[in-house]
Amino acid sequence: MRTRARVVRKNMRLRQDLLDRARRILGTKTETETVEQALELVTFRKEVSEGIRRIAGSRSLRDIYAEEA
């Protein structure tokens, strides 16, 4: 379960075209929601990447496409 995070006000200079594109792609209603979802996606991608690296390093995965000798 996620804990409620502290909300802070930020003043940023962002490219409007990127914000508009991200908003369409994410299907968000507000610019704030767009930025929050984009940040969540970045942190999620990092967690997934680290998890894959850990699994690959544990030798618990088998390469089913490797050529058999």
PDB file of N, CA and C in Angstrom:
ATOM      1  N   MET A   1       0.841  -1.181   0.000  1.00  0.00           N
ATOM      2  CA  MET A   1       0.000   0.000   0.000  1.00  0.00           C
ATOM      3  C   MET A   1       0.885   1.243   0.000  1.00  0.00           C
ATOM      4  N   ARG A   2       0.555   2.208  -0.835  1.00  0.00           N
ATOM      5  CA  ARG A   2       1.329   3.437  -0.914  1.00  0.00           C
ATOM      6  C   ARG A   2       0.959   4.375   0.210  1.00  0.00           C
ATOM      7  N   THR A   3       1.962   5.043   0.744  1.00  0.00           N
ATOM      8  CA  THR A   3       1.705   6.055   1.756  1.00  0.00           C
ATOM      9  C   THR A   3       1.475   7.390   1.052  1.00  0.00           C
ATOM     10  N   ARG A   4       0.775   8.245   1.713  1.00  0.00           N
ATOM     11  CA  ARG A   4       0.477   9.553   1.132  1.00  0.00           C
ATOM     12  C   ARG A   4       1.738  10.416   1.179  1.00  0.00           C
ATOM     13  N   ALA A   5       2.191  10.843   0.028  1.00  0.00           N
ATOM     14  CA  ALA A   5       3.410  11.642  -0.074  1.00  0.00           C
ATOM     15  C   ALA A   5       3.095  13.120   0.156  1.00  0.00           C
ATOM     16  N   ARG A   6       4.099  13.815   0.615  1.00  0.00           N
ATOM     17  CA  ARG A   6       3.969  15.258   0.814  1.00  0.00           C
ATOM     18  C   ARG A   6       3.946  15.935  -0.548  1.00  0.00           C
ATOM     19  N   VAL A   7       3.058  16.868  -0.741  1.00  0.00           N
ATOM     20  CA  VAL A   7       2.926  17.595  -1.997  1.00  0.00           C
ATOM     21  C   VAL A   7       3.621  18.945  -1.843  1.00  0.00           C
ATOM     22  N   VAL A   8       4.441  19.294  -2.843  1.00  0.00           N
ATOM     23  CA  VAL A   8       5.144  20.577  -2.821  1.00  0.00           C
ATOM     24  C   VAL A   8       4.854  21.343  -4.098  1.00  0.00           C
ATOM     25  N   ARG A   9       4.930  22.640  -4.020  1.00  0.00           N
ATOM     26  CA  ARG A   9       4.723  23.489  -5.192  1.00  0.00           C
ATOM     27  C   ARG A   9       6.077  23.693  -5.869  1.00  0.00           C
ATOM     28  N   LYS A  10       6.093  23.573  -7.197  1.00  0.00           N
ATOM     29  CA  LYS A  10       7.308  23.765  -7.991  1.00  0.00           C
ATOM     30  C   LYS A  10       7.017  24.738  -9.121  1.00  0.00           C
ATOM     31  N   ASN A  11       8.009  25.515  -9.460  1.00  0.00           N
ATOM     32  CA  ASN A  11       7.901  26.420 -10.590  1.00  0.00           C
ATOM     33  C   ASN A  11       8.959  25.975 -11.598  1.00  0.00           C
ATOM     34  N   MET A  12       8.500  25.390 -12.716  1.00  0.00           N
ATOM     35  CA  MET A  12       9.432  24.846 -13.705  1.00  0.00           C
ATOM     36  C   MET A  12       9.155  25.420 -15.082  1.00  0.00           C
ATOM     37  N   ARG A  13      10.210  25.454 -15.870  1.00  0.00           N
ATOM     38  CA  ARG A  13      10.086  25.819 -17.277  1.00  0.00           C
ATOM     39  C   ARG A  13      10.118  24.525 -18.069  1.00  0.00           C
ATOM     40  N   LEU A  14       8.997  24.194 -18.709  1.00  0.00           N
ATOM     41  CA  LEU A  14       8.872  22.963 -19.485  1.00  0.00           C
ATOM     42  C   LEU A  14       8.478  23.299 -20.904  1.00  0.00           C
ATOM     43  N   ARG A  15       8.897  22.447 -21.826  1.00  0.00           N
ATOM     44  CA  ARG A  15       8.476  22.613 -23.212  1.00  0.00           C
ATOM     45  C   ARG A  15       7.015  22.222 -23.330  1.00  0.00           C
ATOM     46  N   GLN A  16       6.190  23.152 -23.771  1.00  0.00           N
ATOM     47  CA  GLN A  16       4.747  22.919 -23.858  1.00  0.00           C
ATOM     48  C   GLN A  16       4.429  21.796 -24.829  1.00  0.00           C
ATOM     49  N   ASP A  17       5.186  21.686 -25.935  1.00  0.00           N
ATOM     50  CA  ASP A  17       4.897  20.631 -26.908  1.00  0.00           C
ATOM     51  C   ASP A  17       5.119  19.247 -26.303  1.00  0.00           C
ATOM     52  N   LEU A  18       6.153  19.095 -25.468  1.00  0.00           N
ATOM     53  CA  LEU A  18       6.394  17.801 -24.816  1.00  0.00           C
ATOM     54  C   LEU A  18       5.321  17.495 -23.773  1.00  0.00           C
ATOM     55  N   LEU A  19       4.928  18.521 -23.046  1.00  0.00           N
ATOM     56  CA  LEU A  19       3.883  18.347 -22.044  1.00  0.00           C
ATOM     57  C   LEU A  19       2.564  17.957 -22.706  1.00  0.00           C
ATOM     58  N   ASP A  20       2.223  18.609 -23.809  1.00  0.00           N
ATOM     59  CA  ASP A  20       0.988  18.286 -24.535  1.00  0.00           C
ATOM     60  C   ASP A  20       1.029  16.862 -25.078  1.00  0.00           C
ATOM     61  N   ARG A  21       2.177  16.482 -25.639  1.00  0.00           N
ATOM     62  CA  ARG A  21       2.309  15.129 -26.197  1.00  0.00           C
ATOM     63  C   ARG A  21       2.192  14.076 -25.097  1.00  0.00           C
ATOM     64  N   ALA A  22       2.890  14.291 -23.989  1.00  0.00           N
ATOM     65  CA  ALA A  22       2.823  13.347 -22.868  1.00  0.00           C
ATOM     66  C   ALA A  22       1.400  13.249 -22.335  1.00  0.00           C
ATOM     67  N   ARG A  23       0.722  14.366 -22.279  1.00  0.00           N
ATOM     68  CA  ARG A  23      -0.657  14.381 -21.776  1.00  0.00           C
ATOM     69  C   ARG A  23      -1.567  13.540 -22.665  1.00  0.00           C
ATOM     70  N   ARG A  24      -1.392  13.657 -23.973  1.00  0.00           N
ATOM     71  CA  ARG A  24      -2.198  12.845 -24.906  1.00  0.00           C
ATOM     72  C   ARG A  24      -1.852  11.361 -24.752  1.00  0.00           C
ATOM     73  N   ILE A  25      -0.575  11.057 -24.693  1.00  0.00           N
ATOM     74  CA  ILE A  25      -0.144   9.663 -24.592  1.00  0.00           C
ATOM     75  C   ILE A  25      -0.636   9.028 -23.295  1.00  0.00           C
ATOM     76  N   LEU A  26      -0.501   9.752 -22.191  1.00  0.00           N
ATOM     77  CA  LEU A  26      -0.881   9.215 -20.884  1.00  0.00           C
ATOM     78  C   LEU A  26      -2.382   9.290 -20.623  1.00  0.00           C
ATOM     79  N   GLY A  27      -3.073  10.125 -21.378  1.00  0.00           N
ATOM     80  CA  GLY A  27      -4.512  10.283 -21.170  1.00  0.00           C
ATOM     81  C   GLY A  27      -4.849  11.010 -19.884  1.00  0.00           C
ATOM     82  N   THR A  28      -3.974  11.891 -19.458  1.00  0.00           N
ATOM     83  CA  THR A  28      -4.197  12.627 -18.218  1.00  0.00           C
ATOM     84  C   THR A  28      -5.008  13.888 -18.485  1.00  0.00           C
ATOM     85  N   LYS A  29      -5.631  14.394 -17.431  1.00  0.00           N
ATOM     86  CA  LYS A  29      -6.497  15.558 -17.571  1.00  0.00           C
ATOM     87  C   LYS A  29      -5.770  16.868 -17.287  1.00  0.00           C
ATOM     88  N   THR A  30      -4.811  16.841 -16.375  1.00  0.00           N
ATOM     89  CA  THR A  30      -4.122  18.078 -16.012  1.00  0.00           C
ATOM     90  C   THR A  30      -2.628  17.951 -16.267  1.00  0.00           C
ATOM     91  N   GLU A  31      -1.973  19.096 -16.338  1.00  0.00           N
ATOM     92  CA  GLU A  31      -0.525  19.090 -16.521  1.00  0.00           C
ATOM     93  C   GLU A  31       0.177  18.513 -15.301  1.00  0.00           C
ATOM     94  N   THR A  32      -0.330  18.793 -14.119  1.00  0.00           N
ATOM     95  CA  THR A  32       0.257  18.238 -12.899  1.00  0.00           C
ATOM     96  C   THR A  32       0.169  16.723 -12.906  1.00  0.00           C
ATOM     97  N   GLU A  33      -0.987  16.203 -13.266  1.00  0.00           N
ATOM     98  CA  GLU A  33      -1.172  14.752 -13.342  1.00  0.00           C
ATOM     99  C   GLU A  33      -0.221  14.152 -14.382  1.00  0.00           C
ATOM    100  N   THR A  34      -0.008  14.852 -15.473  1.00  0.00           N
ATOM    101  CA  THR A  34       0.900  14.391 -16.519  1.00  0.00           C
ATOM    102  C   THR A  34       2.323  14.279 -16.000  1.00  0.00           C
ATOM    103  N   VAL A  35       2.795  15.309 -15.337  1.00  0.00           N
ATOM    104  CA  VAL A  35       4.163  15.296 -14.806  1.00  0.00           C
ATOM    105  C   VAL A  35       4.303  14.205 -13.748  1.00  0.00           C
ATOM    106  N   GLU A  36       3.310  14.070 -12.869  1.00  0.00           N
ATOM    107  CA  GLU A  36       3.381  13.032 -11.829  1.00  0.00           C
ATOM    108  C   GLU A  36       3.430  11.635 -12.436  1.00  0.00           C
ATOM    109  N   GLN A  37       2.592  11.360 -13.421  1.00  0.00           N
ATOM    110  CA  GLN A  37       2.598  10.033 -14.049  1.00  0.00           C
ATOM    111  C   GLN A  37       3.910   9.774 -14.773  1.00  0.00           C
ATOM    112  N   ALA A  38       4.442  10.791 -15.440  1.00  0.00           N
ATOM    113  CA  ALA A  38       5.718  10.628 -16.134  1.00  0.00           C
ATOM    114  C   ALA A  38       6.825  10.300 -15.137  1.00  0.00           C
ATOM    115  N   LEU A  39       6.834  10.966 -14.002  1.00  0.00           N
ATOM    116  CA  LEU A  39       7.840  10.686 -12.974  1.00  0.00           C
ATOM    117  C   LEU A  39       7.655   9.283 -12.400  1.00  0.00           C
ATOM    118  N   GLU A  40       6.423   8.868 -12.195  1.00  0.00           N
ATOM    119  CA  GLU A  40       6.165   7.514 -11.710  1.00  0.00           C
ATOM    120  C   GLU A  40       6.641   6.469 -12.711  1.00  0.00           C
ATOM    121  N   LEU A  41       6.451   6.728 -14.005  1.00  0.00           N
ATOM    122  CA  LEU A  41       6.913   5.794 -15.036  1.00  0.00           C
ATOM    123  C   LEU A  41       8.432   5.676 -15.039  1.00  0.00           C
ATOM    124  N   VAL A  42       9.125   6.779 -14.844  1.00  0.00           N
ATOM    125  CA  VAL A  42      10.592   6.752 -14.801  1.00  0.00           C
ATOM    126  C   VAL A  42      11.068   5.920 -13.620  1.00  0.00           C
ATOM    127  N   THR A  43      10.473   6.124 -12.452  1.00  0.00           N
ATOM    128  CA  THR A  43      10.910   5.360 -11.275  1.00  0.00           C
ATOM    129  C   THR A  43      10.529   3.890 -11.402  1.00  0.00           C
ATOM    130  N   PHE A  44       9.375   3.594 -12.013  1.00  0.00           N
ATOM    131  CA  PHE A  44       8.964   2.205 -12.226  1.00  0.00           C
ATOM    132  C   PHE A  44       9.928   1.509 -13.179  1.00  0.00           C
ATOM    133  N   ARG A  45      10.301   2.196 -14.253  1.00  0.00           N
ATOM    134  CA  ARG A  45      11.236   1.624 -15.228  1.00  0.00           C
ATOM    135  C   ARG A  45      12.562   1.273 -14.558  1.00  0.00           C
ATOM    136  N   LYS A  46      13.028   2.134 -13.669  1.00  0.00           N
ATOM    137  CA  LYS A  46      14.277   1.873 -12.943  1.00  0.00           C
ATOM    138  C   LYS A  46      14.130   0.634 -12.062  1.00  0.00           C
ATOM    139  N   GLU A  47      13.013   0.503 -11.349  1.00  0.00           N
ATOM    140  CA  GLU A  47      12.781  -0.656 -10.492  1.00  0.00           C
ATOM    141  C   GLU A  47      12.738  -1.945 -11.305  1.00  0.00           C
ATOM    142  N   VAL A  48      12.064  -1.920 -12.446  1.00  0.00           N
ATOM    143  CA  VAL A  48      11.976  -3.103 -13.309  1.00  0.00           C
ATOM    144  C   VAL A  48      13.359  -3.474 -13.828  1.00  0.00           C
ATOM    145  N   SER A  49      14.101  -2.475 -14.286  1.00  0.00           N
ATOM    146  CA  SER A  49      15.440  -2.711 -14.814  1.00  0.00           C
ATOM    147  C   SER A  49      16.352  -3.339 -13.758  1.00  0.00           C
ATOM    148  N   GLU A  50      16.304  -2.826 -12.545  1.00  0.00           N
ATOM    149  CA  GLU A  50      17.121  -3.383 -11.463  1.00  0.00           C
ATOM    150  C   GLU A  50      16.690  -4.808 -11.126  1.00  0.00           C
ATOM    151  N   GLY A  51      15.395  -5.066 -11.140  1.00  0.00           N
ATOM    152  CA  GLY A  51      14.886  -6.405 -10.862  1.00  0.00           C
ATOM    153  C   GLY A  51      15.334  -7.408 -11.907  1.00  0.00           C
ATOM    154  N   ILE A  52      15.293  -7.009 -13.161  1.00  0.00           N
ATOM    155  CA  ILE A  52      15.737  -7.896 -14.240  1.00  0.00           C
ATOM    156  C   ILE A  52      17.226  -8.191 -14.095  1.00  0.00           C
ATOM    157  N   ARG A  53      18.005  -7.171 -13.771  1.00  0.00           N
ATOM    158  CA  ARG A  53      19.449  -7.377 -13.574  1.00  0.00           C
ATOM    159  C   ARG A  53      19.721  -8.352 -12.440  1.00  0.00           C
ATOM    160  N   ARG A  54      18.967  -8.224 -11.345  1.00  0.00           N
ATOM    161  CA  ARG A  54      19.156  -9.135 -10.207  1.00  0.00           C
ATOM    162  C   ARG A  54      18.813 -10.569 -10.588  1.00  0.00           C
ATOM    163  N   ILE A  55      17.697 -10.740 -11.302  1.00  0.00           N
ATOM    164  CA  ILE A  55      17.280 -12.085 -11.710  1.00  0.00           C
ATOM    165  C   ILE A  55      18.298 -12.678 -12.683  1.00  0.00           C
ATOM    166  N   ALA A  56      18.743 -11.882 -13.643  1.00  0.00           N
ATOM    167  CA  ALA A  56      19.709 -12.373 -14.627  1.00  0.00           C
ATOM    168  C   ALA A  56      21.015 -12.768 -13.946  1.00  0.00           C
ATOM    169  N   GLY A  57      21.419 -12.030 -12.930  1.00  0.00           N
ATOM    170  CA  GLY A  57      22.657 -12.327 -12.218  1.00  0.00           C
ATOM    171  C   GLY A  57      22.541 -13.521 -11.298  1.00  0.00           C
ATOM    172  N   SER A  58      21.328 -13.925 -10.979  1.00  0.00           N
ATOM    173  CA  SER A  58      21.142 -15.044 -10.046  1.00  0.00           C
ATOM    174  C   SER A  58      21.200 -16.396 -10.749  1.00  0.00           C
ATOM    175  N   ARG A  59      21.284 -16.388 -12.059  1.00  0.00           N
ATOM    176  CA  ARG A  59      21.321 -17.608 -12.873  1.00  0.00           C
ATOM    177  C   ARG A  59      20.040 -18.435 -12.736  1.00  0.00           C
ATOM    178  N   SER A  60      18.953 -17.785 -12.317  1.00  0.00           N
ATOM    179  CA  SER A  60      17.680 -18.492 -12.202  1.00  0.00           C
ATOM    180  C   SER A  60      16.902 -18.477 -13.521  1.00  0.00           C
ATOM    181  N   LEU A  61      17.406 -17.738 -14.490  1.00  0.00           N
ATOM    182  CA  LEU A  61      16.778 -17.723 -15.802  1.00  0.00           C
ATOM    183  C   LEU A  61      17.551 -18.622 -16.746  1.00  0.00           C
ATOM    184  N   ARG A  62      16.828 -19.265 -17.635  1.00  0.00           N
ATOM    185  CA  ARG A  62      17.448 -20.142 -18.616  1.00  0.00           C
ATOM    186  C   ARG A  62      17.173 -19.560 -19.994  1.00  0.00           C
ATOM    187  N   ASP A  63      18.201 -19.467 -20.824  1.00  0.00           N
ATOM    188  CA  ASP A  63      18.054 -18.943 -22.176  1.00  0.00           C
ATOM    189  C   ASP A  63      17.449 -20.036 -23.059  1.00  0.00           C
ATOM    190  N   ILE A  64      16.164 -19.911 -23.353  1.00  0.00           N
ATOM    191  CA  ILE A  64      15.500 -20.947 -24.148  1.00  0.00           C
ATOM    192  C   ILE A  64      15.844 -20.842 -25.624  1.00  0.00           C
ATOM    193  N   TYR A  65      16.508 -19.759 -26.017  1.00  0.00           N
ATOM    194  CA  TYR A  65      16.879 -19.572 -27.405  1.00  0.00           C
ATOM    195  C   TYR A  65      18.346 -19.900 -27.684  1.00  0.00           C
ATOM    196  N   ALA A  66      19.071 -20.263 -26.648  1.00  0.00           N
ATOM    197  CA  ALA A  66      20.488 -20.593 -26.823  1.00  0.00           C
ATOM    198  C   ALA A  66      20.610 -21.860 -27.681  1.00  0.00           C
ATOM    199  N   GLU A  67      21.599 -21.865 -28.523  1.00  0.00           N
ATOM    200  CA  GLU A  67      21.830 -23.032 -29.358  1.00  0.00           C
ATOM    201  C   GLU A  67      22.362 -24.165 -28.496  1.00  0.00           C
ATOM    202  N   GLU A  68      21.801 -25.333 -28.701  1.00  0.00           N
ATOM    203  CA  GLU A  68      22.257 -26.504 -27.943  1.00  0.00           C
ATOM    204  C   GLU A  68      23.487 -27.069 -28.616  1.00  0.00           C
ATOM    205  N   ALA A  69      24.419 -27.502 -27.805  1.00  0.00           N
ATOM    206  CA  ALA A  69      25.674 -28.046 -28.338  1.00  0.00           C
ATOM    207  C   ALA A  69      25.490 -29.460 -28.821  1.00  0.00           C
TER     208      ALA A  69
END
